[in-house]
N, C-alpha and C. Protein backbone atom coordinates (compact mmCIF):
# COMPACT_ATOMS: atom_id res chain seq x y z
N MET A 1 -8.83 -66.84 -41.16
CA MET A 1 -7.88 -65.99 -40.45
C MET A 1 -6.90 -66.87 -39.68
N THR A 2 -5.61 -66.58 -39.81
CA THR A 2 -4.61 -67.35 -39.09
C THR A 2 -4.57 -66.92 -37.63
N GLU A 3 -3.92 -67.71 -36.83
CA GLU A 3 -3.85 -67.43 -35.40
C GLU A 3 -3.05 -66.17 -35.12
N THR A 4 -3.52 -65.40 -34.17
CA THR A 4 -2.78 -64.23 -33.72
C THR A 4 -1.84 -64.66 -32.59
N ILE A 5 -0.59 -64.25 -32.67
CA ILE A 5 0.37 -64.63 -31.65
C ILE A 5 0.71 -63.43 -30.77
N ILE A 6 1.01 -63.72 -29.52
CA ILE A 6 1.50 -62.73 -28.57
C ILE A 6 2.97 -63.03 -28.33
N ARG A 7 3.84 -62.05 -28.53
CA ARG A 7 5.27 -62.29 -28.35
C ARG A 7 5.95 -61.00 -27.91
N ARG A 8 7.18 -61.15 -27.44
CA ARG A 8 7.95 -59.98 -27.05
C ARG A 8 8.27 -59.14 -28.29
N ALA A 9 8.19 -57.82 -28.13
CA ALA A 9 8.46 -56.92 -29.25
C ALA A 9 9.94 -56.92 -29.61
N GLU A 10 10.21 -56.70 -30.88
CA GLU A 10 11.57 -56.61 -31.40
C GLU A 10 11.74 -55.25 -32.09
N PRO A 11 12.98 -54.78 -32.27
CA PRO A 11 13.18 -53.49 -32.93
C PRO A 11 12.52 -53.39 -34.30
N THR A 12 12.45 -54.50 -35.02
CA THR A 12 11.84 -54.48 -36.35
C THR A 12 10.32 -54.30 -36.29
N ASP A 13 9.73 -54.40 -35.11
CA ASP A 13 8.29 -54.20 -34.96
C ASP A 13 7.92 -52.73 -34.86
N LEU A 14 8.90 -51.84 -34.77
CA LEU A 14 8.60 -50.44 -34.50
C LEU A 14 7.65 -49.80 -35.51
N PRO A 15 7.80 -50.02 -36.83
CA PRO A 15 6.83 -49.42 -37.75
C PRO A 15 5.39 -49.87 -37.46
N GLY A 16 5.20 -51.15 -37.15
CA GLY A 16 3.87 -51.64 -36.84
C GLY A 16 3.34 -51.08 -35.55
N ILE A 17 4.20 -50.96 -34.55
CA ILE A 17 3.80 -50.37 -33.27
C ILE A 17 3.40 -48.91 -33.46
N ARG A 18 4.18 -48.19 -34.24
CA ARG A 18 3.84 -46.79 -34.51
C ARG A 18 2.49 -46.68 -35.21
N ASP A 19 2.23 -47.58 -36.15
CA ASP A 19 0.97 -47.55 -36.87
C ASP A 19 -0.21 -47.76 -35.92
N VAL A 20 -0.08 -48.72 -35.02
CA VAL A 20 -1.15 -48.97 -34.04
C VAL A 20 -1.31 -47.76 -33.12
N CYS A 21 -0.19 -47.19 -32.70
CA CYS A 21 -0.22 -46.04 -31.81
C CYS A 21 -1.01 -44.89 -32.42
N LEU A 22 -0.75 -44.58 -33.68
CA LEU A 22 -1.43 -43.47 -34.34
C LEU A 22 -2.89 -43.81 -34.63
N LYS A 23 -3.16 -45.03 -35.04
CA LYS A 23 -4.52 -45.40 -35.43
C LYS A 23 -5.43 -45.70 -34.25
N THR A 24 -4.91 -45.56 -33.03
CA THR A 24 -5.75 -45.67 -31.83
C THR A 24 -5.65 -44.42 -30.97
N ALA A 25 -5.04 -43.35 -31.50
CA ALA A 25 -4.70 -42.18 -30.70
C ALA A 25 -5.88 -41.28 -30.38
N ASP A 26 -7.01 -41.49 -31.01
CA ASP A 26 -8.20 -40.68 -30.74
C ASP A 26 -9.16 -41.49 -29.86
N ALA A 27 -8.78 -41.64 -28.58
CA ALA A 27 -9.59 -42.41 -27.61
C ALA A 27 -9.92 -43.79 -28.16
N GLY A 28 -8.94 -44.43 -28.80
CA GLY A 28 -9.11 -45.76 -29.36
C GLY A 28 -9.47 -45.76 -30.83
N LYS A 29 -9.76 -44.60 -31.39
CA LYS A 29 -10.08 -44.49 -32.82
C LYS A 29 -8.88 -43.91 -33.57
N ASP A 30 -8.96 -43.92 -34.89
CA ASP A 30 -7.85 -43.49 -35.73
C ASP A 30 -7.55 -42.01 -35.49
N GLY A 31 -6.34 -41.73 -35.04
CA GLY A 31 -5.95 -40.35 -34.77
C GLY A 31 -5.16 -39.71 -35.89
N THR A 32 -5.04 -40.36 -37.04
CA THR A 32 -4.21 -39.84 -38.13
C THR A 32 -4.55 -38.41 -38.50
N PRO A 33 -5.85 -38.04 -38.61
CA PRO A 33 -6.15 -36.66 -39.02
C PRO A 33 -5.82 -35.61 -37.96
N LEU A 34 -5.54 -36.04 -36.75
CA LEU A 34 -5.39 -35.10 -35.64
C LEU A 34 -3.97 -34.58 -35.45
N TYR A 35 -2.99 -35.23 -36.12
CA TYR A 35 -1.60 -34.91 -35.81
C TYR A 35 -0.82 -34.47 -37.03
N GLN A 36 -0.23 -33.29 -36.93
CA GLN A 36 0.69 -32.81 -37.95
C GLN A 36 2.08 -33.42 -37.74
N TYR A 37 2.39 -33.72 -36.47
CA TYR A 37 3.70 -34.28 -36.11
C TYR A 37 3.50 -35.60 -35.38
N PRO A 38 3.08 -36.65 -36.06
CA PRO A 38 2.89 -37.94 -35.37
C PRO A 38 4.16 -38.48 -34.76
N GLU A 39 5.32 -38.04 -35.27
CA GLU A 39 6.57 -38.50 -34.71
C GLU A 39 6.73 -38.10 -33.24
N LEU A 40 6.05 -37.03 -32.83
CA LEU A 40 6.07 -36.65 -31.42
C LEU A 40 5.22 -37.60 -30.59
N LEU A 41 4.13 -38.06 -31.15
CA LEU A 41 3.31 -39.07 -30.48
C LEU A 41 4.13 -40.33 -30.23
N TRP A 42 4.85 -40.76 -31.25
CA TRP A 42 5.69 -41.96 -31.11
C TRP A 42 6.84 -41.73 -30.14
N ALA A 43 7.37 -40.50 -30.14
CA ALA A 43 8.50 -40.19 -29.26
C ALA A 43 8.12 -40.25 -27.79
N ILE A 44 6.84 -40.09 -27.50
CA ILE A 44 6.38 -40.13 -26.11
C ILE A 44 5.80 -41.48 -25.75
N TYR A 45 4.98 -42.05 -26.63
CA TYR A 45 4.17 -43.20 -26.26
C TYR A 45 4.59 -44.53 -26.88
N ALA A 46 5.60 -44.54 -27.72
CA ALA A 46 5.98 -45.80 -28.38
C ALA A 46 7.48 -46.05 -28.33
N ASP A 47 8.24 -45.29 -29.11
CA ASP A 47 9.66 -45.58 -29.32
C ASP A 47 10.48 -45.75 -28.04
N PRO A 48 10.34 -44.86 -27.04
CA PRO A 48 11.26 -44.96 -25.90
C PRO A 48 11.12 -46.25 -25.11
N TYR A 49 9.96 -46.87 -25.16
CA TYR A 49 9.76 -48.11 -24.41
C TYR A 49 10.61 -49.24 -24.99
N LEU A 50 10.67 -49.31 -26.31
CA LEU A 50 11.49 -50.35 -26.93
C LEU A 50 12.97 -50.09 -26.73
N VAL A 51 13.34 -48.82 -26.56
CA VAL A 51 14.75 -48.49 -26.34
C VAL A 51 15.13 -48.75 -24.89
N PHE A 52 14.30 -48.30 -23.94
CA PHE A 52 14.67 -48.34 -22.53
C PHE A 52 14.26 -49.63 -21.84
N ASN A 53 13.12 -50.19 -22.23
CA ASN A 53 12.58 -51.36 -21.53
C ASN A 53 12.11 -52.44 -22.49
N PRO A 54 12.97 -52.96 -23.38
CA PRO A 54 12.51 -53.94 -24.37
C PRO A 54 11.95 -55.22 -23.75
N LYS A 55 12.39 -55.57 -22.53
CA LYS A 55 11.90 -56.80 -21.91
C LYS A 55 10.45 -56.72 -21.50
N THR A 56 9.90 -55.51 -21.41
CA THR A 56 8.51 -55.35 -20.97
C THR A 56 7.63 -54.78 -22.09
N CYS A 57 7.96 -55.12 -23.32
CA CYS A 57 7.16 -54.70 -24.48
C CYS A 57 6.72 -55.95 -25.25
N PHE A 58 5.42 -56.04 -25.54
CA PHE A 58 4.86 -57.20 -26.22
C PHE A 58 3.93 -56.75 -27.33
N VAL A 59 3.83 -57.56 -28.38
CA VAL A 59 2.96 -57.26 -29.51
C VAL A 59 2.02 -58.42 -29.78
N ALA A 60 0.89 -58.09 -30.37
CA ALA A 60 -0.02 -59.07 -30.96
C ALA A 60 0.15 -58.97 -32.47
N GLU A 61 0.36 -60.11 -33.12
CA GLU A 61 0.64 -60.12 -34.56
C GLU A 61 -0.25 -61.13 -35.25
N ASP A 62 -0.94 -60.69 -36.31
CA ASP A 62 -1.73 -61.60 -37.13
C ASP A 62 -1.19 -61.60 -38.55
N GLU A 63 -1.95 -62.16 -39.48
CA GLU A 63 -1.43 -62.30 -40.85
C GLU A 63 -1.23 -60.95 -41.54
N LEU A 64 -1.83 -59.89 -41.02
CA LEU A 64 -1.67 -58.56 -41.60
C LEU A 64 -0.56 -57.75 -40.93
N GLY A 65 -0.03 -58.29 -39.86
CA GLY A 65 1.05 -57.58 -39.17
C GLY A 65 0.71 -57.29 -37.72
N ILE A 66 1.39 -56.30 -37.15
CA ILE A 66 1.17 -55.92 -35.75
C ILE A 66 -0.23 -55.31 -35.62
N CYS A 67 -1.01 -55.86 -34.70
CA CYS A 67 -2.38 -55.35 -34.53
C CYS A 67 -2.65 -54.88 -33.11
N GLY A 68 -1.64 -54.96 -32.24
CA GLY A 68 -1.80 -54.48 -30.88
C GLY A 68 -0.49 -54.61 -30.12
N TYR A 69 -0.44 -53.96 -28.98
CA TYR A 69 0.77 -54.03 -28.16
C TYR A 69 0.44 -53.65 -26.72
N THR A 70 1.33 -54.00 -25.84
CA THR A 70 1.44 -53.38 -24.53
C THR A 70 2.90 -53.04 -24.32
N LEU A 71 3.15 -51.78 -24.03
CA LEU A 71 4.50 -51.26 -23.82
C LEU A 71 4.58 -50.78 -22.39
N ALA A 72 5.63 -51.15 -21.68
CA ALA A 72 5.69 -50.82 -20.26
C ALA A 72 7.08 -50.39 -19.83
N ALA A 73 7.10 -49.59 -18.78
CA ALA A 73 8.33 -49.25 -18.08
C ALA A 73 8.32 -49.99 -16.76
N LEU A 74 9.37 -50.74 -16.49
CA LEU A 74 9.47 -51.44 -15.22
C LEU A 74 9.58 -50.45 -14.07
N ASP A 75 10.39 -49.42 -14.26
CA ASP A 75 10.63 -48.40 -13.23
C ASP A 75 10.36 -47.03 -13.85
N THR A 76 9.18 -46.48 -13.56
CA THR A 76 8.77 -45.21 -14.16
C THR A 76 9.75 -44.09 -13.82
N ALA A 77 10.20 -44.03 -12.59
CA ALA A 77 11.11 -42.96 -12.18
C ALA A 77 12.44 -43.05 -12.93
N ALA A 78 12.96 -44.26 -13.09
CA ALA A 78 14.22 -44.43 -13.81
C ALA A 78 14.06 -44.07 -15.29
N MET A 79 12.92 -44.45 -15.87
CA MET A 79 12.70 -44.12 -17.28
C MET A 79 12.58 -42.61 -17.46
N GLN A 80 11.90 -41.93 -16.54
CA GLN A 80 11.77 -40.48 -16.67
C GLN A 80 13.13 -39.80 -16.55
N GLU A 81 13.94 -40.26 -15.63
CA GLU A 81 15.28 -39.69 -15.47
C GLU A 81 16.09 -39.88 -16.76
N TRP A 82 16.02 -41.07 -17.34
CA TRP A 82 16.71 -41.33 -18.61
C TRP A 82 16.17 -40.45 -19.72
N ALA A 83 14.84 -40.32 -19.80
CA ALA A 83 14.23 -39.53 -20.87
C ALA A 83 14.65 -38.07 -20.77
N LEU A 84 14.66 -37.52 -19.57
CA LEU A 84 15.06 -36.12 -19.40
C LEU A 84 16.52 -35.91 -19.78
N ARG A 85 17.35 -36.90 -19.49
CA ARG A 85 18.79 -36.77 -19.72
C ARG A 85 19.18 -37.07 -21.16
N GLU A 86 18.57 -38.11 -21.75
CA GLU A 86 19.05 -38.60 -23.05
C GLU A 86 18.03 -38.58 -24.17
N TRP A 87 16.80 -38.95 -23.87
CA TRP A 87 15.83 -39.17 -24.94
C TRP A 87 15.21 -37.88 -25.46
N LEU A 88 14.79 -37.00 -24.58
CA LEU A 88 14.02 -35.83 -24.99
C LEU A 88 14.84 -34.69 -25.58
N PRO A 89 16.06 -34.41 -25.13
CA PRO A 89 16.77 -33.24 -25.67
C PRO A 89 16.85 -33.15 -27.19
N PRO A 90 17.11 -34.23 -27.95
CA PRO A 90 17.12 -34.09 -29.41
C PRO A 90 15.77 -33.65 -29.97
N PHE A 91 14.68 -34.13 -29.38
CA PHE A 91 13.35 -33.72 -29.84
C PHE A 91 13.06 -32.28 -29.46
N GLN A 92 13.52 -31.87 -28.29
CA GLN A 92 13.33 -30.48 -27.87
C GLN A 92 14.04 -29.53 -28.82
N GLN A 93 15.21 -29.95 -29.32
CA GLN A 93 15.96 -29.12 -30.26
C GLN A 93 15.30 -29.12 -31.64
N ALA A 94 14.83 -30.27 -32.07
CA ALA A 94 14.25 -30.38 -33.42
C ALA A 94 12.85 -29.77 -33.50
N TYR A 95 12.14 -29.77 -32.37
CA TYR A 95 10.76 -29.27 -32.36
C TYR A 95 10.63 -28.22 -31.26
N PRO A 96 11.06 -26.98 -31.53
CA PRO A 96 11.01 -25.94 -30.50
C PRO A 96 9.57 -25.65 -30.06
N LEU A 97 9.46 -25.21 -28.84
CA LEU A 97 8.13 -24.96 -28.27
C LEU A 97 7.36 -23.90 -29.05
N ALA A 98 8.07 -23.04 -29.77
CA ALA A 98 7.41 -22.01 -30.57
C ALA A 98 6.48 -22.60 -31.63
N LEU A 99 6.65 -23.88 -31.96
CA LEU A 99 5.78 -24.52 -32.95
C LEU A 99 4.32 -24.60 -32.49
N VAL A 100 4.07 -24.38 -31.20
CA VAL A 100 2.68 -24.45 -30.71
C VAL A 100 1.80 -23.42 -31.42
N HIS A 101 2.41 -22.37 -31.96
CA HIS A 101 1.63 -21.33 -32.64
C HIS A 101 1.30 -21.71 -34.08
N GLN A 102 1.81 -22.88 -34.53
CA GLN A 102 1.63 -23.27 -35.93
C GLN A 102 0.89 -24.60 -36.08
N CYS A 103 0.36 -25.14 -35.00
CA CYS A 103 -0.25 -26.46 -35.10
C CYS A 103 -1.49 -26.54 -34.22
N GLY A 104 -2.21 -27.64 -34.35
CA GLY A 104 -3.46 -27.83 -33.63
C GLY A 104 -3.26 -28.27 -32.19
N GLN A 105 -4.39 -28.43 -31.51
CA GLN A 105 -4.37 -28.70 -30.08
C GLN A 105 -3.62 -29.98 -29.73
N ASN A 106 -3.82 -31.05 -30.51
CA ASN A 106 -3.18 -32.32 -30.18
C ASN A 106 -1.66 -32.24 -30.28
N ASP A 107 -1.18 -31.58 -31.33
CA ASP A 107 0.26 -31.40 -31.46
C ASP A 107 0.79 -30.45 -30.38
N GLN A 108 0.01 -29.46 -30.02
CA GLN A 108 0.42 -28.55 -28.96
C GLN A 108 0.63 -29.30 -27.64
N GLU A 109 -0.28 -30.21 -27.34
CA GLU A 109 -0.15 -31.00 -26.11
C GLU A 109 1.13 -31.84 -26.13
N LEU A 110 1.45 -32.42 -27.28
CA LEU A 110 2.67 -33.23 -27.39
C LEU A 110 3.91 -32.36 -27.24
N LEU A 111 3.90 -31.19 -27.84
CA LEU A 111 5.05 -30.29 -27.73
C LEU A 111 5.30 -29.91 -26.27
N HIS A 112 4.23 -29.64 -25.54
CA HIS A 112 4.39 -29.30 -24.13
C HIS A 112 4.94 -30.50 -23.35
N LEU A 113 4.50 -31.70 -23.69
CA LEU A 113 5.02 -32.89 -23.00
C LEU A 113 6.49 -33.14 -23.32
N ILE A 114 6.89 -32.83 -24.55
CA ILE A 114 8.30 -32.98 -24.93
C ILE A 114 9.17 -32.00 -24.14
N HIS A 115 8.70 -30.76 -24.01
CA HIS A 115 9.50 -29.72 -23.35
C HIS A 115 9.27 -29.63 -21.85
N GLU A 116 8.09 -30.04 -21.39
CA GLU A 116 7.77 -29.94 -19.97
C GLU A 116 7.07 -31.23 -19.53
N PRO A 117 7.83 -32.32 -19.40
CA PRO A 117 7.22 -33.60 -19.02
C PRO A 117 6.47 -33.49 -17.70
N LEU A 118 5.40 -34.27 -17.58
CA LEU A 118 4.62 -34.25 -16.35
C LEU A 118 5.46 -34.78 -15.20
N PRO A 119 5.29 -34.21 -14.01
CA PRO A 119 6.04 -34.72 -12.86
C PRO A 119 5.53 -36.10 -12.46
N LEU A 120 6.37 -36.83 -11.76
CA LEU A 120 5.94 -38.14 -11.26
C LEU A 120 4.82 -37.96 -10.25
N LEU A 121 3.85 -38.85 -10.30
CA LEU A 121 2.71 -38.79 -9.39
C LEU A 121 3.05 -39.49 -8.07
N PRO A 122 2.42 -39.07 -6.98
CA PRO A 122 2.78 -39.63 -5.66
C PRO A 122 2.65 -41.14 -5.56
N PHE A 123 1.68 -41.72 -6.29
CA PHE A 123 1.48 -43.16 -6.14
C PHE A 123 2.51 -44.01 -6.87
N VAL A 124 3.46 -43.37 -7.56
CA VAL A 124 4.50 -44.14 -8.28
C VAL A 124 5.32 -44.99 -7.30
N GLN A 125 5.43 -44.56 -6.07
CA GLN A 125 6.18 -45.35 -5.09
C GLN A 125 5.53 -46.72 -4.88
N ASP A 126 4.20 -46.76 -4.88
CA ASP A 126 3.49 -48.03 -4.68
C ASP A 126 3.18 -48.76 -5.98
N PHE A 127 3.16 -48.02 -7.09
CA PHE A 127 2.88 -48.60 -8.41
C PHE A 127 3.99 -48.14 -9.36
N PRO A 128 5.22 -48.65 -9.20
CA PRO A 128 6.37 -48.08 -9.89
C PRO A 128 6.41 -48.32 -11.40
N SER A 129 5.74 -49.36 -11.88
CA SER A 129 5.72 -49.63 -13.31
C SER A 129 4.52 -48.92 -13.95
N HIS A 130 4.61 -48.68 -15.25
CA HIS A 130 3.42 -48.17 -15.95
C HIS A 130 3.38 -48.76 -17.35
N LEU A 131 2.19 -48.74 -17.95
CA LEU A 131 2.01 -49.40 -19.24
C LEU A 131 1.13 -48.59 -20.17
N HIS A 132 1.24 -48.90 -21.45
CA HIS A 132 0.31 -48.45 -22.48
C HIS A 132 -0.14 -49.68 -23.25
N ILE A 133 -1.41 -49.75 -23.56
CA ILE A 133 -1.92 -50.87 -24.35
C ILE A 133 -2.88 -50.33 -25.40
N ASP A 134 -2.73 -50.80 -26.62
CA ASP A 134 -3.61 -50.38 -27.72
C ASP A 134 -3.82 -51.55 -28.66
N LEU A 135 -5.04 -51.64 -29.20
CA LEU A 135 -5.41 -52.67 -30.16
C LEU A 135 -6.16 -52.04 -31.32
N LEU A 136 -5.79 -52.43 -32.54
CA LEU A 136 -6.57 -52.01 -33.70
C LEU A 136 -7.95 -52.66 -33.66
N PRO A 137 -8.94 -52.07 -34.34
CA PRO A 137 -10.29 -52.64 -34.30
C PRO A 137 -10.35 -54.12 -34.66
N ARG A 138 -9.53 -54.55 -35.62
CA ARG A 138 -9.60 -55.96 -36.04
C ARG A 138 -9.13 -56.91 -34.93
N ALA A 139 -8.41 -56.37 -33.94
CA ALA A 139 -7.88 -57.20 -32.86
C ALA A 139 -8.73 -57.13 -31.59
N GLN A 140 -9.78 -56.32 -31.62
CA GLN A 140 -10.59 -56.13 -30.42
C GLN A 140 -11.65 -57.22 -30.29
N ASN A 141 -12.11 -57.40 -29.05
CA ASN A 141 -13.17 -58.36 -28.73
C ASN A 141 -12.78 -59.79 -29.09
N ARG A 142 -11.49 -60.08 -28.98
CA ARG A 142 -10.99 -61.44 -29.27
C ARG A 142 -10.16 -61.99 -28.10
N GLY A 143 -10.18 -61.29 -27.00
CA GLY A 143 -9.40 -61.74 -25.85
C GLY A 143 -7.94 -61.36 -25.89
N LEU A 144 -7.52 -60.60 -26.92
CA LEU A 144 -6.11 -60.28 -27.06
C LEU A 144 -5.65 -59.26 -26.02
N GLY A 145 -6.52 -58.34 -25.66
CA GLY A 145 -6.16 -57.38 -24.63
C GLY A 145 -5.83 -58.07 -23.32
N ARG A 146 -6.66 -59.02 -22.95
CA ARG A 146 -6.40 -59.77 -21.72
C ARG A 146 -5.08 -60.56 -21.83
N GLN A 147 -4.85 -61.17 -22.99
CA GLN A 147 -3.61 -61.94 -23.16
C GLN A 147 -2.37 -61.05 -23.06
N LEU A 148 -2.44 -59.87 -23.67
CA LEU A 148 -1.31 -58.95 -23.61
C LEU A 148 -1.06 -58.50 -22.16
N ILE A 149 -2.14 -58.15 -21.47
CA ILE A 149 -2.00 -57.71 -20.08
C ILE A 149 -1.44 -58.83 -19.22
N GLU A 150 -1.97 -60.04 -19.39
CA GLU A 150 -1.51 -61.16 -18.57
C GLU A 150 -0.03 -61.46 -18.82
N LYS A 151 0.39 -61.39 -20.08
CA LYS A 151 1.80 -61.62 -20.40
C LYS A 151 2.68 -60.56 -19.76
N LEU A 152 2.22 -59.31 -19.82
CA LEU A 152 2.99 -58.23 -19.22
C LEU A 152 3.05 -58.37 -17.70
N LEU A 153 1.91 -58.63 -17.06
CA LEU A 153 1.90 -58.74 -15.60
C LEU A 153 2.79 -59.88 -15.14
N GLU A 154 2.75 -60.98 -15.86
CA GLU A 154 3.62 -62.12 -15.54
C GLU A 154 5.09 -61.69 -15.58
N THR A 155 5.44 -60.88 -16.58
CA THR A 155 6.82 -60.42 -16.73
C THR A 155 7.19 -59.44 -15.63
N LEU A 156 6.29 -58.49 -15.33
CA LEU A 156 6.57 -57.51 -14.27
C LEU A 156 6.75 -58.19 -12.92
N ILE A 157 5.93 -59.19 -12.65
CA ILE A 157 6.07 -59.93 -11.39
C ILE A 157 7.42 -60.63 -11.33
N ALA A 158 7.81 -61.26 -12.44
CA ALA A 158 9.10 -61.94 -12.49
C ALA A 158 10.27 -60.98 -12.30
N LEU A 159 10.07 -59.72 -12.69
CA LEU A 159 11.10 -58.69 -12.54
C LEU A 159 10.97 -57.93 -11.22
N SER A 160 10.07 -58.42 -10.34
CA SER A 160 9.93 -57.91 -8.97
C SER A 160 9.28 -56.53 -8.88
N SER A 161 8.45 -56.16 -9.85
CA SER A 161 7.67 -54.94 -9.70
C SER A 161 6.58 -55.17 -8.66
N LYS A 162 6.34 -54.18 -7.82
CA LYS A 162 5.29 -54.34 -6.81
C LYS A 162 3.96 -53.73 -7.22
N GLY A 163 3.93 -53.05 -8.38
CA GLY A 163 2.66 -52.48 -8.83
C GLY A 163 2.80 -51.78 -10.16
N VAL A 164 1.69 -51.65 -10.88
CA VAL A 164 1.70 -51.04 -12.21
C VAL A 164 0.51 -50.10 -12.33
N HIS A 165 0.69 -49.01 -13.08
CA HIS A 165 -0.41 -48.06 -13.29
C HIS A 165 -0.45 -47.63 -14.75
N PHE A 166 -1.56 -47.02 -15.14
CA PHE A 166 -1.71 -46.49 -16.50
C PHE A 166 -2.95 -45.60 -16.54
N GLY A 167 -3.11 -44.86 -17.62
CA GLY A 167 -4.25 -43.97 -17.78
C GLY A 167 -5.21 -44.49 -18.83
N VAL A 168 -6.50 -44.22 -18.63
CA VAL A 168 -7.54 -44.60 -19.59
C VAL A 168 -8.37 -43.36 -19.91
N ASP A 169 -8.51 -43.06 -21.20
CA ASP A 169 -9.26 -41.89 -21.64
C ASP A 169 -10.68 -41.90 -21.08
N GLY A 170 -11.16 -40.73 -20.71
CA GLY A 170 -12.49 -40.62 -20.13
C GLY A 170 -13.61 -41.03 -21.06
N GLN A 171 -13.37 -41.00 -22.37
CA GLN A 171 -14.40 -41.39 -23.33
C GLN A 171 -14.44 -42.90 -23.56
N ASN A 172 -13.40 -43.59 -23.14
CA ASN A 172 -13.28 -45.01 -23.45
C ASN A 172 -13.88 -45.84 -22.30
N LEU A 173 -15.21 -45.82 -22.22
CA LEU A 173 -15.91 -46.47 -21.11
C LEU A 173 -15.76 -47.99 -21.16
N ASN A 174 -15.75 -48.56 -22.36
CA ASN A 174 -15.60 -50.01 -22.47
C ASN A 174 -14.26 -50.46 -21.91
N ALA A 175 -13.20 -49.70 -22.22
CA ALA A 175 -11.88 -50.05 -21.70
C ALA A 175 -11.84 -49.93 -20.18
N GLN A 176 -12.44 -48.89 -19.65
CA GLN A 176 -12.47 -48.72 -18.20
C GLN A 176 -13.16 -49.90 -17.53
N ALA A 177 -14.29 -50.30 -18.10
CA ALA A 177 -15.03 -51.44 -17.53
C ALA A 177 -14.20 -52.73 -17.61
N PHE A 178 -13.49 -52.91 -18.71
CA PHE A 178 -12.66 -54.11 -18.88
C PHE A 178 -11.57 -54.15 -17.82
N TYR A 179 -10.88 -53.04 -17.61
CA TYR A 179 -9.77 -53.04 -16.65
C TYR A 179 -10.27 -53.22 -15.22
N HIS A 180 -11.43 -52.65 -14.90
CA HIS A 180 -12.02 -52.92 -13.59
C HIS A 180 -12.31 -54.42 -13.45
N HIS A 181 -12.80 -55.01 -14.52
CA HIS A 181 -13.19 -56.43 -14.49
C HIS A 181 -12.01 -57.34 -14.22
N ILE A 182 -10.83 -56.99 -14.73
CA ILE A 182 -9.68 -57.88 -14.56
C ILE A 182 -8.84 -57.50 -13.33
N GLY A 183 -9.31 -56.54 -12.54
CA GLY A 183 -8.68 -56.33 -11.25
C GLY A 183 -7.96 -55.02 -11.02
N PHE A 184 -8.00 -54.10 -11.98
CA PHE A 184 -7.38 -52.79 -11.75
C PHE A 184 -8.32 -51.90 -10.94
N GLU A 185 -7.75 -51.05 -10.12
CA GLU A 185 -8.53 -50.13 -9.29
C GLU A 185 -8.28 -48.69 -9.73
N ASP A 186 -9.23 -47.82 -9.46
CA ASP A 186 -9.05 -46.40 -9.75
C ASP A 186 -8.10 -45.79 -8.72
N LEU A 187 -7.09 -45.10 -9.20
CA LEU A 187 -6.18 -44.36 -8.33
C LEU A 187 -6.55 -42.88 -8.31
N VAL A 188 -6.91 -42.35 -9.48
CA VAL A 188 -7.34 -40.97 -9.63
C VAL A 188 -8.41 -40.92 -10.70
N VAL A 189 -9.48 -40.18 -10.46
CA VAL A 189 -10.51 -39.95 -11.48
C VAL A 189 -10.57 -38.45 -11.71
N LEU A 190 -10.26 -38.02 -12.93
CA LEU A 190 -10.23 -36.61 -13.28
C LEU A 190 -11.63 -36.12 -13.66
N PRO A 191 -11.84 -34.81 -13.68
CA PRO A 191 -13.18 -34.27 -13.99
C PRO A 191 -13.75 -34.74 -15.33
N ASP A 192 -12.88 -35.02 -16.32
CA ASP A 192 -13.38 -35.48 -17.62
C ASP A 192 -13.56 -37.00 -17.68
N ASN A 193 -13.48 -37.66 -16.52
CA ASN A 193 -13.63 -39.10 -16.36
C ASN A 193 -12.40 -39.89 -16.81
N THR A 194 -11.34 -39.22 -17.22
CA THR A 194 -10.08 -39.92 -17.43
C THR A 194 -9.64 -40.53 -16.11
N ARG A 195 -9.17 -41.76 -16.17
CA ARG A 195 -8.81 -42.46 -14.94
C ARG A 195 -7.37 -42.94 -14.98
N LEU A 196 -6.70 -42.75 -13.87
CA LEU A 196 -5.43 -43.41 -13.63
C LEU A 196 -5.73 -44.63 -12.79
N MET A 197 -5.37 -45.79 -13.31
CA MET A 197 -5.73 -47.05 -12.70
C MET A 197 -4.47 -47.81 -12.31
N GLY A 198 -4.58 -48.66 -11.32
CA GLY A 198 -3.40 -49.40 -10.87
C GLY A 198 -3.74 -50.77 -10.33
N MET A 199 -2.70 -51.58 -10.17
CA MET A 199 -2.84 -52.91 -9.60
C MET A 199 -1.57 -53.23 -8.80
N HIS A 200 -1.75 -53.69 -7.55
CA HIS A 200 -0.65 -54.22 -6.78
C HIS A 200 -0.29 -55.59 -7.33
N LEU A 201 1.00 -55.89 -7.39
CA LEU A 201 1.46 -57.16 -7.92
C LEU A 201 2.05 -58.02 -6.80
N PRO A 202 1.78 -59.32 -6.85
CA PRO A 202 2.38 -60.21 -5.84
C PRO A 202 3.89 -60.29 -6.03
N ARG A 203 4.58 -60.55 -4.96
CA ARG A 203 6.04 -60.67 -5.01
C ARG A 203 6.44 -62.13 -4.84
N PHE A 204 7.47 -62.55 -5.57
CA PHE A 204 8.02 -63.87 -5.35
C PHE A 204 8.79 -63.88 -4.03
N SER A 205 8.59 -64.90 -3.23
CA SER A 205 9.31 -64.99 -1.95
C SER A 205 10.67 -65.63 -2.17
């Protein structure tokens, strides 16, 4: 096996990023059977990050292609404002909310997020950045998750972010334990054990 490299994402990486996004969408397992409209999954959790915040998007690449990524927004509030104004309206028009009556639960949740994005959470003021990280099975347990996170945190610090947050599925106990181990704290724990986790970042003087 050749060496896996960690590098900044490029627009040409989007098909590989989308593939990882879908194949980890079921609490880290392949979500392909769960989605009739995977393009909505990408419209929320993949594509907009490369459009709005390309400097804070990184991929892991091996001889088979993209096998993992971390995608982040430097300023969550600014990204949400942009998404409401520019990114989401075309999807709202192409995928009307009435489609919820024709698809399964996972697609229904995405349709609601497209039409009714979640409000900003109170802790965004202290943890203004947010991230998504996913790794295909072949890339797991090789230290790549830590490398991706470290590269991203280094970049966020250089860009003067004072904190970052993200969500971890309640079923993904190994991931929760990993993030606790590298220094993330629980900000919110939901009844299904889904956790919103965060980390304060040091500032350059």
